[in-house]
Amino acid sequence: MNLDEQIDIFKAIGHPVRFRVLQSLSDSEKSVGEIEEDTKVSQPGLSQHLRSCAKRNW
């Protein structure tokens, strides 16, 4: 992994919502509804952050 890729990862997990999403998923797979409940983020907002994670193949 090169430096630019590492920086991209830190930028992504540096966002509080994405960090909470990753925390929520750290123990098991969950539905969007379960992640929404865990993170207290609206479904549209959560979709944006999940899309950002998907672009990074997470």
Protein backbone atom coordinates (compact mmCIF):
# COMPACT_ATOMS: atom_id res chain seq x y z
CA MET A 1 0.00 0.00 0.00
CA ASN A 2 1.47 3.34 -0.98
CA LEU A 3 1.38 6.57 1.00
CA ASP A 4 -1.56 8.06 -0.95
CA GLU A 5 -3.66 4.96 -0.26
CA GLN A 6 -2.81 5.13 3.44
CA ILE A 7 -3.75 8.81 3.56
CA ASP A 8 -7.08 8.00 1.86
CA ILE A 9 -7.83 5.39 4.52
CA PHE A 10 -7.09 7.78 7.36
CA LYS A 11 -9.24 10.48 5.77
CA ALA A 12 -12.12 8.03 5.42
CA ILE A 13 -12.03 6.71 8.97
CA GLY A 14 -11.34 10.20 10.26
CA HIS A 15 -14.97 11.11 9.58
CA PRO A 16 -16.97 10.45 12.76
CA VAL A 17 -19.92 8.82 10.97
CA ARG A 18 -17.77 6.43 8.93
CA PHE A 19 -15.81 5.56 12.05
CA ARG A 20 -19.07 4.72 13.88
CA VAL A 21 -20.21 2.62 10.88
CA LEU A 22 -16.96 0.67 10.95
CA GLN A 23 -17.30 0.22 14.71
CA SER A 24 -20.83 -1.05 14.25
CA LEU A 25 -19.67 -3.59 11.66
CA SER A 26 -16.58 -4.69 13.56
CA ASP A 27 -18.31 -7.51 15.44
CA SER A 28 -20.65 -8.88 12.76
CA GLU A 29 -22.50 -8.27 9.51
CA LYS A 30 -25.53 -6.05 9.92
CA SER A 31 -28.40 -4.76 7.85
CA VAL A 32 -28.59 -1.08 6.99
CA GLY A 33 -31.41 -0.75 9.51
CA GLU A 34 -29.22 -2.18 12.28
CA ILE A 35 -26.34 0.13 11.36
CA GLU A 36 -28.77 3.06 11.27
CA GLU A 37 -29.95 2.15 14.77
CA ASP A 38 -26.38 1.74 16.09
CA THR A 39 -25.05 4.97 14.60
CA LYS A 40 -28.15 7.19 14.94
CA VAL A 41 -27.59 8.39 11.35
CA SER A 42 -30.50 8.81 8.94
CA GLN A 43 -30.84 6.27 6.13
CA PRO A 44 -29.95 8.79 3.37
CA GLY A 45 -26.88 9.96 5.28
CA LEU A 46 -25.87 6.40 6.02
CA SER A 47 -26.20 5.49 2.35
CA GLN A 48 -23.75 8.25 1.42
CA HIS A 49 -21.18 7.00 3.89
CA LEU A 50 -21.64 3.35 2.90
CA ARG A 51 -21.16 4.37 -0.73
CA SER A 52 -17.91 6.06 0.23
CA CYS A 53 -16.74 2.87 1.95
CA ALA A 54 -17.81 0.75 -1.03
CA LYS A 55 -15.73 2.92 -3.37
CA ARG A 56 -12.73 1.95 -1.26
CA ASN A 57 -13.71 -1.76 -1.41
CA TRP A 58 -14.28 -1.97 2.33
